[in-house]
Amino acid sequence: MSAGKFIAGFIVGGAVGAVIGILLAPQSGEETREAIGKTTKEAYDKAQGVVKELQAKADDVVSDMQKKGEEIISKIQEMINNKKENNA
């Protein structure tokens, strides 16, 4: 299981648990709606934070892969040039 899936499941599970707890709490309908709205906003904000964090990590991975790809291309080009020089 990837870390992203675990985090997403954790957030969704927490939000579902909070909503169930609010629905089962003895309070008026208006208070319940306010609590659900607040909980939903908090869950959304947390999810946004996780998404930004995952995007930053993905950007880092892509950047690293690009650098490594450029290094590999450079080494291959160097090997080709060396081979041409040795055959000449």
N, C-alpha and C. Protein backbone atom coordinates (compact mmCIF):
# COMPACT_ATOMS: atom_id res chain seq x y z
N MET A 1 0.86 -1.17 0.00
CA MET A 1 0.00 0.00 0.00
C MET A 1 0.90 1.23 0.00
N SER A 2 0.58 2.19 -0.84
CA SER A 2 1.40 3.39 -0.92
C SER A 2 1.05 4.34 0.22
N ALA A 3 1.98 5.22 0.51
CA ALA A 3 1.77 6.19 1.59
C ALA A 3 0.60 7.11 1.25
N GLY A 4 0.47 7.48 -0.01
CA GLY A 4 -0.62 8.36 -0.42
C GLY A 4 -1.99 7.74 -0.17
N LYS A 5 -2.12 6.45 -0.49
CA LYS A 5 -3.39 5.77 -0.26
C LYS A 5 -3.68 5.66 1.23
N PHE A 6 -2.64 5.39 2.02
CA PHE A 6 -2.82 5.29 3.46
C PHE A 6 -3.28 6.62 4.04
N ILE A 7 -2.63 7.70 3.63
CA ILE A 7 -2.99 9.03 4.14
C ILE A 7 -4.41 9.39 3.73
N ALA A 8 -4.76 9.13 2.47
CA ALA A 8 -6.11 9.42 2.00
C ALA A 8 -7.14 8.61 2.79
N GLY A 9 -6.86 7.35 3.02
CA GLY A 9 -7.77 6.51 3.80
C GLY A 9 -7.89 6.99 5.23
N PHE A 10 -6.78 7.43 5.79
CA PHE A 10 -6.78 7.94 7.16
C PHE A 10 -7.66 9.19 7.26
N ILE A 11 -7.52 10.10 6.29
CA ILE A 11 -8.31 11.33 6.31
C ILE A 11 -9.80 11.03 6.11
N VAL A 12 -10.10 10.18 5.14
CA VAL A 12 -11.50 9.83 4.88
C VAL A 12 -12.10 9.12 6.09
N GLY A 13 -11.37 8.20 6.66
CA GLY A 13 -11.85 7.49 7.85
C GLY A 13 -12.10 8.43 9.01
N GLY A 14 -11.20 9.37 9.21
CA GLY A 14 -11.37 10.36 10.28
C GLY A 14 -12.59 11.22 10.05
N ALA A 15 -12.79 11.65 8.80
CA ALA A 15 -13.94 12.49 8.48
C ALA A 15 -15.24 11.72 8.68
N VAL A 16 -15.28 10.48 8.22
CA VAL A 16 -16.49 9.66 8.37
C VAL A 16 -16.79 9.43 9.86
N GLY A 17 -15.76 9.13 10.62
CA GLY A 17 -15.94 8.93 12.06
C GLY A 17 -16.46 10.19 12.75
N ALA A 18 -15.93 11.33 12.35
CA ALA A 18 -16.36 12.60 12.95
C ALA A 18 -17.83 12.88 12.61
N VAL A 19 -18.20 12.65 11.35
CA VAL A 19 -19.58 12.90 10.94
C VAL A 19 -20.53 11.96 11.68
N ILE A 20 -20.17 10.70 11.81
CA ILE A 20 -21.03 9.75 12.54
C ILE A 20 -21.17 10.18 13.99
N GLY A 21 -20.05 10.59 14.59
CA GLY A 21 -20.11 11.06 15.97
C GLY A 21 -21.01 12.26 16.13
N ILE A 22 -20.95 13.18 15.17
CA ILE A 22 -21.79 14.37 15.23
C ILE A 22 -23.26 14.00 15.06
N LEU A 23 -23.53 13.10 14.13
CA LEU A 23 -24.92 12.70 13.90
C LEU A 23 -25.53 11.98 15.09
N LEU A 24 -24.72 11.28 15.85
CA LEU A 24 -25.23 10.54 17.00
C LEU A 24 -25.26 11.38 18.28
N ALA A 25 -24.66 12.56 18.23
CA ALA A 25 -24.62 13.42 19.42
C ALA A 25 -26.00 14.05 19.66
N PRO A 26 -26.38 14.21 20.92
CA PRO A 26 -27.70 14.79 21.24
C PRO A 26 -27.66 16.33 21.17
N GLN A 27 -27.94 16.87 19.99
CA GLN A 27 -28.00 18.32 19.84
C GLN A 27 -29.03 18.66 18.77
N SER A 28 -29.32 19.95 18.64
CA SER A 28 -30.35 20.37 17.68
C SER A 28 -29.86 20.19 16.25
N GLY A 29 -30.80 20.25 15.33
CA GLY A 29 -30.46 20.10 13.91
C GLY A 29 -29.53 21.20 13.44
N GLU A 30 -29.78 22.42 13.89
CA GLU A 30 -28.92 23.54 13.48
C GLU A 30 -27.50 23.36 14.00
N GLU A 31 -27.37 22.94 15.24
CA GLU A 31 -26.05 22.70 15.80
C GLU A 31 -25.34 21.57 15.06
N THR A 32 -26.10 20.55 14.72
CA THR A 32 -25.53 19.41 13.98
C THR A 32 -25.04 19.86 12.61
N ARG A 33 -25.86 20.66 11.91
CA ARG A 33 -25.45 21.16 10.59
C ARG A 33 -24.18 22.01 10.69
N GLU A 34 -24.11 22.85 11.72
CA GLU A 34 -22.91 23.68 11.91
C GLU A 34 -21.69 22.80 12.18
N ALA A 35 -21.88 21.79 13.02
CA ALA A 35 -20.77 20.89 13.34
C ALA A 35 -20.31 20.11 12.10
N ILE A 36 -21.27 19.66 11.30
CA ILE A 36 -20.93 18.94 10.07
C ILE A 36 -20.17 19.87 9.12
N GLY A 37 -20.64 21.08 8.99
CA GLY A 37 -19.97 22.05 8.13
C GLY A 37 -18.54 22.32 8.59
N LYS A 38 -18.38 22.48 9.90
CA LYS A 38 -17.05 22.73 10.45
C LYS A 38 -16.14 21.52 10.22
N THR A 39 -16.64 20.34 10.49
CA THR A 39 -15.85 19.12 10.32
C THR A 39 -15.49 18.91 8.85
N THR A 40 -16.43 19.19 7.97
CA THR A 40 -16.17 19.06 6.54
C THR A 40 -15.08 20.02 6.09
N LYS A 41 -15.15 21.25 6.55
CA LYS A 41 -14.13 22.24 6.19
C LYS A 41 -12.76 21.82 6.72
N GLU A 42 -12.71 21.33 7.96
CA GLU A 42 -11.44 20.88 8.53
C GLU A 42 -10.86 19.71 7.72
N ALA A 43 -11.73 18.77 7.36
CA ALA A 43 -11.26 17.61 6.58
C ALA A 43 -10.77 18.08 5.21
N TYR A 44 -11.48 19.02 4.60
CA TYR A 44 -11.07 19.56 3.30
C TYR A 44 -9.71 20.25 3.42
N ASP A 45 -9.55 21.06 4.46
CA ASP A 45 -8.27 21.76 4.66
C ASP A 45 -7.12 20.77 4.85
N LYS A 46 -7.37 19.72 5.64
CA LYS A 46 -6.32 18.70 5.85
C LYS A 46 -6.00 17.99 4.53
N ALA A 47 -7.03 17.67 3.77
CA ALA A 47 -6.81 16.99 2.49
C ALA A 47 -6.02 17.89 1.54
N GLN A 48 -6.32 19.17 1.54
CA GLN A 48 -5.57 20.11 0.70
C GLN A 48 -4.10 20.12 1.10
N GLY A 49 -3.83 20.10 2.40
CA GLY A 49 -2.45 20.08 2.88
C GLY A 49 -1.73 18.81 2.42
N VAL A 50 -2.41 17.69 2.51
CA VAL A 50 -1.81 16.42 2.09
C VAL A 50 -1.55 16.43 0.59
N VAL A 51 -2.49 16.97 -0.18
CA VAL A 51 -2.33 17.03 -1.63
C VAL A 51 -1.12 17.90 -1.98
N LYS A 52 -0.98 19.05 -1.33
CA LYS A 52 0.17 19.92 -1.60
C LYS A 52 1.48 19.23 -1.24
N GLU A 53 1.47 18.50 -0.13
CA GLU A 53 2.66 17.77 0.29
C GLU A 53 3.03 16.69 -0.73
N LEU A 54 2.03 15.94 -1.19
CA LEU A 54 2.27 14.90 -2.17
C LEU A 54 2.74 15.48 -3.50
N GLN A 55 2.19 16.64 -3.89
CA GLN A 55 2.62 17.28 -5.12
C GLN A 55 4.08 17.71 -5.03
N ALA A 56 4.46 18.25 -3.87
CA ALA A 56 5.85 18.68 -3.68
C ALA A 56 6.79 17.47 -3.77
N LYS A 57 6.40 16.36 -3.13
CA LYS A 57 7.22 15.16 -3.19
C LYS A 57 7.31 14.62 -4.62
N ALA A 58 6.18 14.63 -5.33
CA ALA A 58 6.18 14.16 -6.71
C ALA A 58 7.06 15.05 -7.58
N ASP A 59 7.01 16.36 -7.35
CA ASP A 59 7.87 17.27 -8.11
C ASP A 59 9.34 16.97 -7.86
N ASP A 60 9.68 16.68 -6.60
CA ASP A 60 11.06 16.34 -6.26
C ASP A 60 11.50 15.06 -6.97
N VAL A 61 10.63 14.06 -6.98
CA VAL A 61 10.95 12.79 -7.63
C VAL A 61 11.14 13.00 -9.13
N VAL A 62 10.26 13.76 -9.75
CA VAL A 62 10.37 14.01 -11.19
C VAL A 62 11.66 14.76 -11.49
N SER A 63 11.98 15.74 -10.67
CA SER A 63 13.21 16.50 -10.87
C SER A 63 14.44 15.60 -10.76
N ASP A 64 14.44 14.74 -9.75
CA ASP A 64 15.56 13.80 -9.58
C ASP A 64 15.66 12.86 -10.78
N MET A 65 14.53 12.37 -11.26
CA MET A 65 14.55 11.48 -12.41
C MET A 65 15.07 12.19 -13.65
N GLN A 66 14.70 13.44 -13.83
CA GLN A 66 15.19 14.19 -14.99
C GLN A 66 16.71 14.36 -14.91
N LYS A 67 17.21 14.69 -13.73
CA LYS A 67 18.66 14.85 -13.56
C LYS A 67 19.39 13.54 -13.85
N LYS A 68 18.87 12.45 -13.32
CA LYS A 68 19.50 11.14 -13.55
C LYS A 68 19.42 10.77 -15.03
N GLY A 69 18.32 11.07 -15.68
CA GLY A 69 18.19 10.79 -17.10
C GLY A 69 19.20 11.58 -17.91
N GLU A 70 19.39 12.84 -17.54
CA GLU A 70 20.38 13.66 -18.24
C GLU A 70 21.80 13.12 -18.01
N GLU A 71 22.07 12.65 -16.80
CA GLU A 71 23.39 12.06 -16.50
C GLU A 71 23.61 10.80 -17.34
N ILE A 72 22.60 9.97 -17.44
CA ILE A 72 22.71 8.73 -18.22
C ILE A 72 22.94 9.06 -19.69
N ILE A 73 22.19 10.01 -20.21
CA ILE A 73 22.36 10.40 -21.62
C ILE A 73 23.77 10.92 -21.85
N SER A 74 24.26 11.71 -20.91
CA SER A 74 25.61 12.26 -21.03
C SER A 74 26.65 11.14 -21.03
N LYS A 75 26.48 10.17 -20.15
CA LYS A 75 27.43 9.04 -20.08
C LYS A 75 27.38 8.20 -21.35
N ILE A 76 26.20 7.98 -21.87
CA ILE A 76 26.06 7.20 -23.11
C ILE A 76 26.73 7.95 -24.25
N GLN A 77 26.50 9.25 -24.32
CA GLN A 77 27.12 10.05 -25.39
C GLN A 77 28.63 10.01 -25.27
N GLU A 78 29.13 10.07 -24.04
CA GLU A 78 30.58 9.99 -23.81
C GLU A 78 31.13 8.64 -24.25
N MET A 79 30.41 7.57 -23.93
CA MET A 79 30.84 6.23 -24.34
C MET A 79 30.86 6.10 -25.87
N ILE A 80 29.85 6.66 -26.52
CA ILE A 80 29.80 6.61 -27.99
C ILE A 80 30.98 7.36 -28.58
N ASN A 81 31.25 8.54 -28.03
CA ASN A 81 32.38 9.34 -28.52
C ASN A 81 33.70 8.62 -28.31
N ASN A 82 33.87 7.99 -27.16
CA ASN A 82 35.09 7.23 -26.87
C ASN A 82 35.24 6.06 -27.84
N LYS A 83 34.14 5.40 -28.11
CA LYS A 83 34.16 4.27 -29.05
C LYS A 83 34.56 4.73 -30.45
N LYS A 84 34.01 5.87 -30.86
CA LYS A 84 34.35 6.42 -32.18
C LYS A 84 35.83 6.77 -32.24
N GLU A 85 36.36 7.36 -31.19
CA GLU A 85 37.78 7.75 -31.15
C GLU A 85 38.68 6.52 -31.18
N ASN A 86 38.29 5.48 -30.49
CA ASN A 86 39.10 4.25 -30.46
C ASN A 86 39.08 3.54 -31.81
N ASN A 87 38.00 3.64 -32.53
CA ASN A 87 37.88 2.99 -33.84
C ASN A 87 38.51 3.81 -34.95
N ALA A 88 38.76 5.06 -34.68
CA ALA A 88 39.30 5.95 -35.74
C ALA A 88 40.78 5.78 -35.92
